[in-house]
Amino acid sequence: MILFIHCKRSICSISILILIIFIIVNSPLVYAENATRTSSSGKIHQENRFILVPFSNPLHGYDANTITWFSATQLLNTGADFLADKTNLKKSVCGRVSHLILILYLSHAASYYSHEVAHQINNKRKNQHFWLDLSDWSQLVPKFVFNNWKDKYDVDNYLELRRVLANPEVKKFHILKNEAGFYQNLFNSRLINYFSEIYGNTSIEGAVFYIYNHIMPFVYHLRWGLDPVIISRFAETFVRIHGNDVTGYIYYMNKSGIHISRDDWLYFSGLAFFLSGHTINAVRSLYNYLAEGDESTRNVRIPIGSRTSLSMPNFYLYPSILGLYLETEFCLSDILKAGNRLFITLGTGLDSFGARRTGPVDNLRVGGEYYCINIRIAKLAMALSPWGYLHFTQGNEHLGHSIGVNMLTELTGPFRLFTRLEHSREDMIEQVIKNKEEGFNMMWAMEVSW
């Protein structure tokens, strides 16, 4: 609380509002009904593990990169779980601490590569490559290097001859490139939360992966946010900027006429993580594992009526080309029948809450996704999860939309076909952040479970 006293008046009101919500949401009386735990004996556990193998290149889009990251975590966790069982790590507190440290390292490895791959997504060349430098373990894993050793035309040279500060397209490219890694971390954490809400519980590995990815922008600020931006000039009118994910974004946004405060960004990114409901679920899951060996813990939910319940809100802060954009997501469970979920999303700029140094985003995005509708056509079984989002200005002028459906089709044995079909136009997430082309987009992936 003492730290909030030093905030400027422009952001005090939103701070107080969020703190009030935080206190109410964390009331023991609200949580008493559903704050149950499950032991590792098997009463509650995640569904069978599965991976999704995308048919598209993860270097070409966030969606494919996200499910590739998820699949990597599943494979790594299978190995870690097998090792923990064989070595009896789960039977003592010290062993469980060692097990969590192993999961944390695997989370770092998978998320580091996912983050770095994302920086390549906005480079639209078709010959995107990368390689791993086995001689450089400065990141605790082999260092990720853009493009293979034969390709000297890396992402930093992509627009080298056009880096004129007056060119808005160049600024947009660099802003998107700088923030792509943070975007990917947030998409990763949202996917973990999505599955956690569907299953109704948070596993220990899900807790570690969620925390690692969601807190990344905040930790990055603390560690590298004050690094200097190095500007080198050549050919009189051309410049080359050397900055990291934080300083590069702030530099190019300022050059675009949008002042972004590093302190405000740090402050709100911390609030977005620490006040998110799934952060509480994740911490509870880790505590229960360390204290009693519970490998999965039921999510805390707010009961609404006899059957329906509401999740705590989750906050995701995106540094977009318009400014800092915040999305809030809730999940309603068992609305029409047991097992169904309704994810509700509300997104807007921090300027809507009175913040003055976070960019004039002037956007409002509302919508949600329904999970799921089971249908059968002859012998073909499918599960459909439709979604729809509308994008407005703060003056309620309609800007765009994103509508689509996720389809999971039963094939044979452990195989199922995942299809994502969407149509989007001027949508805040799909066009502004993911930088997708407008119109129809489709993605396929093969699900393999065990």
Protein backbone atom coordinates (compact mmCIF):
# COMPACT_ATOMS: atom_id res chain seq x y z
CA MET A 1 0.00 0.00 0.00
CA ILE A 2 2.84 2.41 0.81
CA LEU A 3 4.13 2.17 -2.76
CA PHE A 4 0.83 3.41 -4.14
CA ILE A 5 1.22 6.75 -2.32
CA HIS A 6 4.01 7.69 -4.72
CA CYS A 7 1.84 7.24 -7.83
CA LYS A 8 0.69 10.31 -9.67
CA ARG A 9 -2.89 11.49 -9.30
CA SER A 10 -3.76 10.41 -12.84
CA ILE A 11 -3.46 6.74 -11.89
CA CYS A 12 -4.47 6.81 -8.23
CA SER A 13 -8.16 6.32 -8.95
CA ILE A 14 -7.65 3.14 -10.96
CA SER A 15 -5.22 1.86 -8.32
CA ILE A 16 -7.79 2.32 -5.55
CA LEU A 17 -10.52 0.74 -7.68
CA ILE A 18 -8.41 -2.32 -8.45
CA LEU A 19 -7.37 -2.66 -4.80
CA ILE A 20 -11.00 -2.58 -3.69
CA ILE A 21 -11.88 -5.25 -6.24
CA PHE A 22 -8.86 -7.25 -5.12
CA ILE A 23 -9.92 -7.14 -1.45
CA ILE A 24 -13.50 -8.10 -2.26
CA VAL A 25 -12.49 -10.90 -4.58
CA ASN A 26 -10.08 -12.30 -2.03
CA SER A 27 -12.62 -12.40 0.79
CA PRO A 28 -12.60 -15.86 2.46
CA LEU A 29 -16.41 -15.81 2.61
CA VAL A 30 -16.63 -15.58 -1.15
CA TYR A 31 -14.26 -18.46 -1.68
CA ALA A 32 -15.36 -20.82 1.06
CA GLU A 33 -17.64 -22.99 -1.07
CA ASN A 34 -15.21 -23.92 -3.83
CA ALA A 35 -11.77 -23.71 -2.22
CA THR A 36 -11.31 -27.48 -2.13
CA ARG A 37 -8.09 -29.34 -2.85
CA THR A 38 -7.40 -32.71 -4.35
CA SER A 39 -4.64 -35.10 -3.44
CA SER A 40 -2.26 -36.77 -5.85
CA SER A 41 -4.10 -40.05 -5.35
CA GLY A 42 -6.11 -39.30 -8.44
CA LYS A 43 -9.46 -37.78 -7.42
CA ILE A 44 -8.80 -34.73 -9.53
CA HIS A 45 -6.28 -34.57 -12.31
CA GLN A 46 -5.79 -33.06 -15.70
CA GLU A 47 -7.18 -34.95 -18.66
CA ASN A 48 -4.81 -37.18 -20.61
CA ARG A 49 -1.83 -35.26 -21.89
CA PHE A 50 -1.93 -34.20 -25.50
CA ILE A 51 0.05 -32.21 -28.02
CA LEU A 52 -1.06 -30.13 -30.99
CA VAL A 53 1.12 -30.34 -34.09
CA PRO A 54 0.37 -27.30 -36.29
CA PHE A 55 0.33 -27.60 -40.07
CA SER A 56 1.63 -24.03 -40.33
CA ASN A 57 5.07 -22.63 -39.51
CA PRO A 58 5.36 -21.23 -35.94
CA LEU A 59 7.65 -18.53 -37.39
CA HIS A 60 4.71 -17.18 -39.38
CA GLY A 61 2.10 -16.56 -36.69
CA TYR A 62 1.32 -16.31 -32.98
CA ASP A 63 -1.38 -19.00 -33.05
CA ALA A 64 0.92 -21.69 -34.43
CA ASN A 65 3.73 -20.56 -32.13
CA THR A 66 1.44 -20.75 -29.10
CA ILE A 67 0.30 -24.32 -29.67
CA THR A 68 3.87 -25.36 -30.54
CA TRP A 69 4.98 -23.95 -27.19
CA PHE A 70 2.13 -25.77 -25.45
CA SER A 71 3.06 -29.06 -27.13
CA ALA A 72 6.69 -28.62 -26.07
CA THR A 73 5.61 -28.07 -22.46
CA GLN A 74 3.51 -31.24 -22.54
CA LEU A 75 6.40 -33.34 -23.81
CA LEU A 76 8.86 -31.83 -21.34
CA ASN A 77 6.44 -32.26 -18.46
CA THR A 78 5.88 -35.90 -19.34
CA GLY A 79 9.61 -36.48 -18.98
CA ALA A 80 9.84 -34.45 -15.75
CA ASP A 81 6.88 -36.28 -14.24
CA PHE A 82 8.37 -39.66 -15.15
CA LEU A 83 11.69 -38.68 -13.58
CA ALA A 84 10.00 -37.39 -10.41
CA ASP A 85 8.07 -40.65 -10.03
CA LYS A 86 11.09 -42.87 -10.61
CA THR A 87 13.26 -40.95 -8.14
CA ASN A 88 10.52 -40.49 -5.51
CA LEU A 89 10.88 -36.71 -5.61
CA LYS A 90 7.19 -36.27 -4.82
CA LYS A 91 7.42 -38.01 -1.44
CA SER A 92 9.37 -35.34 0.44
CA VAL A 93 9.37 -31.56 0.69
CA CYS A 94 12.95 -31.30 -0.55
CA GLY A 95 12.13 -33.63 -3.43
CA ARG A 96 9.07 -31.59 -4.38
CA VAL A 97 11.15 -28.40 -4.31
CA SER A 98 13.61 -30.09 -6.67
CA HIS A 99 10.73 -31.18 -8.88
CA LEU A 100 9.41 -27.61 -9.11
CA ILE A 101 12.88 -26.28 -9.90
CA LEU A 102 13.08 -28.78 -12.76
CA ILE A 103 9.66 -27.67 -14.06
CA LEU A 104 10.76 -24.03 -13.78
CA TYR A 105 13.87 -24.73 -15.84
CA LEU A 106 11.80 -26.51 -18.51
CA SER A 107 9.36 -23.59 -18.49
CA HIS A 108 12.26 -21.20 -19.02
CA ALA A 109 13.59 -23.25 -21.94
CA ALA A 110 10.26 -23.59 -23.76
CA SER A 111 9.18 -20.00 -23.10
CA TYR A 112 12.57 -18.52 -24.04
CA TYR A 113 12.45 -20.14 -27.48
CA SER A 114 8.78 -19.25 -27.94
CA HIS A 115 9.54 -15.62 -27.03
CA GLU A 116 12.47 -15.40 -29.46
CA VAL A 117 10.58 -17.11 -32.31
CA ALA A 118 7.85 -14.48 -31.92
CA HIS A 119 10.34 -11.70 -32.73
CA GLN A 120 10.62 -13.23 -36.19
CA ILE A 121 6.87 -13.37 -36.90
CA ASN A 122 6.53 -9.84 -38.29
CA ASN A 123 9.42 -10.43 -40.68
CA LYS A 124 7.33 -11.50 -43.67
CA ARG A 125 10.15 -13.10 -45.65
CA LYS A 126 9.48 -16.70 -46.64
CA ASN A 127 12.99 -17.95 -45.79
CA GLN A 128 12.76 -17.44 -42.04
CA HIS A 129 15.12 -19.72 -40.16
CA PHE A 130 16.87 -19.94 -36.84
CA TRP A 131 19.58 -22.03 -35.26
CA LEU A 132 20.81 -22.81 -31.77
CA ASP A 133 24.32 -21.84 -30.72
CA LEU A 134 25.46 -24.80 -28.60
CA SER A 135 28.55 -22.88 -27.51
CA ASP A 136 26.54 -20.05 -25.89
CA TRP A 137 24.62 -20.98 -22.73
CA SER A 138 24.21 -17.43 -21.45
CA GLN A 139 20.43 -18.01 -21.34
CA LEU A 140 20.91 -21.33 -19.48
CA VAL A 141 19.95 -23.07 -22.73
CA PRO A 142 21.60 -22.95 -26.18
CA LYS A 143 21.19 -19.42 -27.47
CA PHE A 144 18.52 -18.76 -30.11
CA VAL A 145 19.99 -17.12 -33.25
CA PHE A 146 17.81 -15.74 -36.03
CA ASN A 147 18.23 -17.49 -39.38
CA ASN A 148 20.63 -20.30 -40.19
CA TRP A 149 24.35 -19.87 -40.75
CA LYS A 150 23.89 -19.62 -44.54
CA ASP A 151 21.44 -16.73 -44.31
CA LYS A 152 23.17 -13.46 -43.40
CA TYR A 153 20.00 -11.41 -44.02
CA ASP A 154 18.73 -11.48 -40.44
CA VAL A 155 15.74 -9.70 -38.92
CA ASP A 156 17.83 -6.75 -37.70
CA ASN A 157 18.90 -6.01 -41.29
CA TYR A 158 15.42 -6.47 -42.74
CA LEU A 159 14.76 -2.75 -43.31
CA GLU A 160 18.29 -1.48 -42.84
CA LEU A 161 18.23 0.75 -45.93
CA ARG A 162 14.83 2.21 -45.04
CA ARG A 163 15.32 3.09 -41.39
CA VAL A 164 14.30 6.71 -41.73
CA LEU A 165 12.66 7.98 -38.56
CA ALA A 166 10.01 9.83 -40.54
CA ASN A 167 8.69 6.60 -42.08
CA PRO A 168 5.65 5.42 -40.05
CA GLU A 169 5.75 1.91 -41.54
CA VAL A 170 9.30 1.45 -40.31
CA LYS A 171 8.27 2.55 -36.82
CA LYS A 172 5.32 0.16 -36.86
CA PHE A 173 7.53 -2.72 -37.93
CA HIS A 174 10.02 -2.11 -35.12
CA ILE A 175 7.32 -1.60 -32.49
CA LEU A 176 5.69 -4.90 -33.44
CA LYS A 177 9.06 -6.65 -33.61
CA ASN A 178 10.12 -5.35 -30.21
CA GLU A 179 6.88 -6.35 -28.49
CA ALA A 180 6.31 -9.69 -30.24
CA GLY A 181 8.05 -11.59 -27.44
CA PHE A 182 5.82 -10.07 -24.75
CA TYR A 183 2.75 -10.76 -26.87
CA GLN A 184 3.77 -14.40 -27.10
CA ASN A 185 4.30 -14.68 -23.35
CA LEU A 186 0.80 -13.34 -22.75
CA PHE A 187 -0.77 -15.66 -25.33
CA ASN A 188 1.01 -18.58 -23.67
CA SER A 189 -0.29 -17.67 -20.23
CA ARG A 190 -3.82 -17.18 -21.58
CA LEU A 191 -3.79 -20.64 -23.15
CA ILE A 192 -2.74 -22.20 -19.85
CA ASN A 193 -5.55 -20.34 -18.06
CA TYR A 194 -8.00 -21.44 -20.78
CA PHE A 195 -7.31 -25.14 -20.22
CA SER A 196 -7.26 -24.63 -16.46
CA GLU A 197 -10.76 -23.16 -16.56
CA ILE A 198 -11.99 -26.03 -18.74
CA TYR A 199 -10.58 -28.68 -16.38
CA GLY A 200 -11.61 -26.72 -13.28
CA ASN A 201 -8.24 -27.14 -11.59
CA THR A 202 -4.65 -25.93 -11.77
CA SER A 203 -1.80 -28.43 -12.00
CA ILE A 204 1.63 -27.66 -10.63
CA GLU A 205 3.21 -27.51 -14.09
CA GLY A 206 0.38 -25.30 -15.34
CA ALA A 207 0.96 -23.01 -12.38
CA VAL A 208 4.67 -22.66 -13.13
CA PHE A 209 4.16 -22.09 -16.87
CA TYR A 210 1.41 -19.55 -16.26
CA ILE A 211 3.41 -17.57 -13.71
CA TYR A 212 6.60 -17.61 -15.77
CA ASN A 213 4.91 -16.24 -18.90
CA HIS A 214 2.48 -13.79 -17.33
CA ILE A 215 5.06 -12.16 -15.06
CA MET A 216 7.69 -11.93 -17.82
CA PRO A 217 6.96 -8.30 -18.92
CA PHE A 218 7.16 -7.14 -15.29
CA VAL A 219 10.40 -9.02 -14.59
CA TYR A 220 11.91 -7.83 -17.89
CA HIS A 221 11.21 -4.23 -16.84
CA LEU A 222 12.95 -4.72 -13.53
CA ARG A 223 16.01 -6.36 -15.07
CA TRP A 224 16.53 -4.54 -18.38
CA GLY A 225 14.10 -1.62 -18.40
CA LEU A 226 16.78 0.97 -17.65
CA ASP A 227 19.28 -0.18 -20.27
CA PRO A 228 20.32 2.64 -22.64
CA VAL A 229 19.18 2.89 -26.25
CA ILE A 230 22.20 3.05 -28.57
CA ILE A 231 21.76 5.05 -31.78
CA SER A 232 24.29 4.69 -34.58
CA ARG A 233 24.09 6.84 -37.73
CA PHE A 234 25.30 6.09 -41.22
CA ALA A 235 24.84 7.66 -44.65
CA GLU A 236 23.77 10.91 -42.92
CA THR A 237 20.00 10.29 -42.94
CA PHE A 238 19.88 6.64 -41.82
CA VAL A 239 20.04 5.39 -38.26
CA ARG A 240 20.19 2.06 -36.53
CA ILE A 241 18.62 1.63 -33.11
CA HIS A 242 19.88 -0.89 -30.56
CA GLY A 243 17.35 -1.35 -27.75
CA ASN A 244 15.65 -4.20 -25.91
CA ASP A 245 11.99 -5.17 -25.73
CA VAL A 246 11.22 -2.35 -23.30
CA THR A 247 13.50 0.47 -24.35
CA GLY A 248 13.00 -0.13 -28.07
CA TYR A 249 9.23 0.09 -27.71
CA ILE A 250 9.37 3.29 -25.69
CA TYR A 251 11.85 4.86 -28.13
CA TYR A 252 9.82 4.16 -31.28
CA MET A 253 6.53 5.08 -29.62
CA ASN A 254 8.00 8.41 -28.55
CA LYS A 255 9.25 8.97 -32.11
CA SER A 256 5.69 8.29 -33.28
CA GLY A 257 4.40 11.06 -31.01
CA ILE A 258 3.05 8.75 -28.27
CA HIS A 259 4.74 9.17 -24.90
CA ILE A 260 4.96 5.94 -22.94
CA SER A 261 6.16 6.14 -19.35
CA ARG A 262 8.48 3.31 -18.38
CA ASP A 263 7.42 3.64 -14.73
CA ASP A 264 3.71 3.51 -15.54
CA TRP A 265 4.23 0.51 -17.80
CA LEU A 266 6.17 -1.26 -15.04
CA TYR A 267 3.51 -0.38 -12.48
CA PHE A 268 0.53 -1.56 -14.51
CA SER A 269 2.23 -4.71 -15.79
CA GLY A 270 2.84 -5.65 -12.16
CA LEU A 271 -0.79 -4.97 -11.25
CA ALA A 272 -2.00 -7.02 -14.22
CA PHE A 273 -0.09 -10.04 -12.97
CA PHE A 274 -0.49 -9.80 -9.21
CA LEU A 275 -4.22 -8.97 -9.32
CA SER A 276 -5.13 -11.70 -11.82
CA GLY A 277 -7.29 -14.44 -10.40
CA HIS A 278 -5.31 -17.24 -11.95
CA THR A 279 -2.20 -15.97 -10.20
CA ILE A 280 -3.97 -16.84 -6.95
CA ASN A 281 -4.94 -20.26 -8.33
CA ALA A 282 -1.34 -20.89 -9.38
CA VAL A 283 0.13 -19.87 -6.02
CA ARG A 284 -2.39 -22.06 -4.17
CA SER A 285 -1.53 -25.01 -6.40
CA LEU A 286 2.20 -24.64 -5.72
CA TYR A 287 1.64 -24.22 -1.98
CA ASN A 288 -0.57 -27.32 -1.77
CA TYR A 289 2.01 -29.35 -3.65
CA LEU A 290 4.85 -28.28 -1.38
CA ALA A 291 2.82 -28.67 1.81
CA GLU A 292 0.87 -31.86 1.11
CA GLY A 293 1.96 -33.25 -2.23
CA ASP A 294 -1.25 -32.30 -4.06
CA GLU A 295 -0.40 -32.23 -7.75
CA SER A 296 -3.55 -30.35 -8.73
CA THR A 297 -5.80 -27.89 -6.90
CA ARG A 298 -9.36 -26.86 -7.66
CA ASN A 299 -9.67 -23.32 -8.97
CA VAL A 300 -11.24 -20.75 -6.70
CA ARG A 301 -14.60 -19.67 -8.05
CA ILE A 302 -17.44 -17.39 -6.96
CA PRO A 303 -20.75 -19.29 -6.81
CA ILE A 304 -23.71 -17.82 -8.70
CA GLY A 305 -26.87 -19.72 -7.97
CA SER A 306 -27.02 -23.45 -7.37
CA ARG A 307 -24.78 -24.56 -10.25
CA THR A 308 -23.14 -21.68 -12.10
CA SER A 309 -19.93 -20.11 -10.84
CA LEU A 310 -17.66 -17.24 -11.92
CA SER A 311 -13.90 -17.20 -12.07
CA MET A 312 -11.81 -14.39 -10.68
CA PRO A 313 -10.84 -11.82 -13.36
CA ASN A 314 -7.55 -12.09 -15.22
CA PHE A 315 -5.73 -9.05 -16.62
CA TYR A 316 -3.43 -9.00 -19.65
CA LEU A 317 -1.53 -5.83 -20.58
CA TYR A 318 -0.40 -5.51 -24.21
CA PRO A 319 2.03 -2.77 -25.37
CA SER A 320 0.36 -2.10 -28.74
CA ILE A 321 1.25 0.36 -31.49
CA LEU A 322 -1.53 2.59 -30.10
CA GLY A 323 -0.39 2.42 -26.49
CA LEU A 324 -0.88 0.17 -23.47
CA TYR A 325 -4.00 -1.95 -23.94
CA LEU A 326 -5.58 -3.98 -21.12
CA GLU A 327 -7.84 -7.01 -21.55
CA THR A 328 -9.88 -8.40 -18.67
CA GLU A 329 -11.24 -11.94 -18.91
CA PHE A 330 -13.79 -13.86 -16.83
CA CYS A 331 -15.11 -17.39 -17.12
CA LEU A 332 -18.64 -18.54 -16.30
CA SER A 333 -18.92 -22.28 -15.65
CA ASP A 334 -21.85 -24.67 -16.07
CA ILE A 335 -24.25 -22.15 -17.59
CA LEU A 336 -26.42 -24.37 -19.80
CA LYS A 337 -25.11 -27.72 -18.68
CA ALA A 338 -22.32 -29.18 -16.60
CA GLY A 339 -18.89 -28.77 -18.18
CA ASN A 340 -19.69 -25.81 -20.40
CA ARG A 341 -17.75 -22.57 -20.15
CA LEU A 342 -18.37 -19.01 -21.29
CA PHE A 343 -15.25 -16.83 -21.50
CA ILE A 344 -16.10 -13.11 -21.39
CA THR A 345 -13.55 -10.49 -22.46
CA LEU A 346 -13.48 -6.72 -22.09
CA GLY A 347 -10.54 -4.77 -23.46
CA THR A 348 -9.66 -1.09 -23.44
CA GLY A 349 -6.70 1.27 -23.22
CA LEU A 350 -5.27 2.33 -19.88
CA ASP A 351 -6.15 5.88 -20.93
CA SER A 352 -9.78 4.92 -20.29
CA PHE A 353 -8.93 4.76 -16.57
CA GLY A 354 -7.26 8.16 -16.52
CA ALA A 355 -3.67 7.10 -17.20
CA ARG A 356 -2.01 9.86 -19.24
CA ARG A 357 1.39 8.42 -20.10
CA THR A 358 0.31 5.13 -21.63
CA GLY A 359 -0.90 6.21 -25.07
CA PRO A 360 -4.26 7.37 -26.49
CA VAL A 361 -5.58 3.88 -27.32
CA ASP A 362 -9.25 4.97 -27.56
CA ASN A 363 -10.48 1.41 -28.12
CA LEU A 364 -13.10 -0.86 -26.62
CA ARG A 365 -13.24 -4.59 -27.40
CA VAL A 366 -16.01 -6.82 -26.03
CA GLY A 367 -16.98 -10.41 -26.70
CA GLY A 368 -16.37 -13.96 -25.66
CA GLU A 369 -16.11 -17.66 -26.46
CA TYR A 370 -18.49 -20.50 -25.63
CA TYR A 371 -17.05 -23.93 -24.83
CA CYS A 372 -18.39 -26.18 -26.22
CA ILE A 373 -21.13 -27.59 -28.49
CA ASN A 374 -20.90 -31.34 -29.16
CA ILE A 375 -22.42 -32.55 -32.41
CA ARG A 376 -22.41 -35.79 -34.35
CA ILE A 377 -22.94 -36.16 -38.10
CA ALA A 378 -23.25 -39.84 -38.97
CA LYS A 379 -20.10 -41.32 -37.39
CA LEU A 380 -18.29 -37.99 -37.27
CA ALA A 381 -18.09 -36.48 -33.76
CA MET A 382 -17.14 -32.83 -33.38
CA ALA A 383 -16.79 -30.30 -30.59
CA LEU A 384 -17.38 -26.65 -31.57
CA SER A 385 -16.35 -23.58 -29.61
CA PRO A 386 -17.65 -20.41 -31.32
CA TRP A 387 -16.43 -16.94 -30.43
CA GLY A 388 -17.13 -13.35 -31.39
CA TYR A 389 -15.59 -9.98 -30.50
CA LEU A 390 -16.61 -6.45 -31.50
CA HIS A 391 -14.19 -3.54 -31.62
CA PHE A 392 -15.33 0.05 -30.97
CA THR A 393 -13.89 3.46 -30.22
CA GLN A 394 -14.62 4.97 -26.82
CA GLY A 395 -17.33 6.97 -28.61
CA ASN A 396 -19.05 3.69 -29.55
CA GLU A 397 -18.09 3.94 -33.22
CA HIS A 398 -17.80 0.44 -34.63
CA LEU A 399 -14.30 -0.31 -35.93
CA GLY A 400 -14.09 -4.03 -36.57
CA HIS A 401 -14.69 -7.55 -35.37
CA SER A 402 -13.31 -11.04 -34.95
CA ILE A 403 -15.65 -14.00 -35.29
CA GLY A 404 -14.85 -17.67 -35.66
CA VAL A 405 -14.96 -21.17 -34.28
CA ASN A 406 -12.56 -23.76 -32.92
CA MET A 407 -13.44 -27.27 -34.10
CA LEU A 408 -12.11 -30.56 -32.76
CA THR A 409 -12.95 -33.56 -34.92
CA GLU A 410 -12.56 -37.15 -33.75
CA LEU A 411 -10.46 -39.27 -36.11
CA THR A 412 -9.13 -42.57 -34.83
CA GLY A 413 -7.40 -43.72 -31.68
CA PRO A 414 -5.45 -40.85 -30.05
CA PHE A 415 -5.78 -38.55 -33.08
CA ARG A 416 -8.12 -35.59 -33.46
CA LEU A 417 -8.09 -32.76 -35.99
CA PHE A 418 -8.11 -29.21 -34.61
CA THR A 419 -9.37 -26.47 -36.94
CA ARG A 420 -9.50 -22.75 -36.23
CA LEU A 421 -11.62 -20.76 -38.69
CA GLU A 422 -12.01 -17.01 -38.30
CA HIS A 423 -12.90 -13.79 -40.05
CA SER A 424 -11.51 -10.56 -38.67
CA ARG A 425 -11.35 -6.92 -39.68
CA GLU A 426 -9.67 -4.07 -37.76
CA ASP A 427 -9.74 -6.15 -34.59
CA MET A 428 -7.54 -5.02 -31.72
CA ILE A 429 -6.03 -8.44 -31.08
CA GLU A 430 -6.01 -10.02 -34.53
CA GLN A 431 -4.97 -7.00 -36.65
CA VAL A 432 -3.38 -4.47 -34.30
CA ILE A 433 -1.44 -6.89 -32.09
CA LYS A 434 -1.09 -10.11 -34.10
CA ASN A 435 -0.71 -8.09 -37.33
CA LYS A 436 -2.84 -10.55 -39.32
CA GLU A 437 -4.21 -9.76 -42.72
CA GLU A 438 -7.90 -8.92 -42.71
CA GLY A 439 -10.42 -11.48 -43.94
CA PHE A 440 -10.62 -15.21 -43.48
CA ASN A 441 -7.85 -17.10 -41.71
CA MET A 442 -7.67 -20.82 -41.06
CA MET A 443 -5.29 -22.97 -39.05
CA TRP A 444 -5.10 -26.75 -38.71
CA ALA A 445 -3.29 -28.87 -36.16
CA MET A 446 -3.24 -32.57 -35.31
CA GLU A 447 -3.97 -33.46 -31.71
CA VAL A 448 -2.27 -36.54 -30.33
CA SER A 449 -3.16 -37.66 -26.79
CA TRP A 450 -1.77 -40.29 -24.45
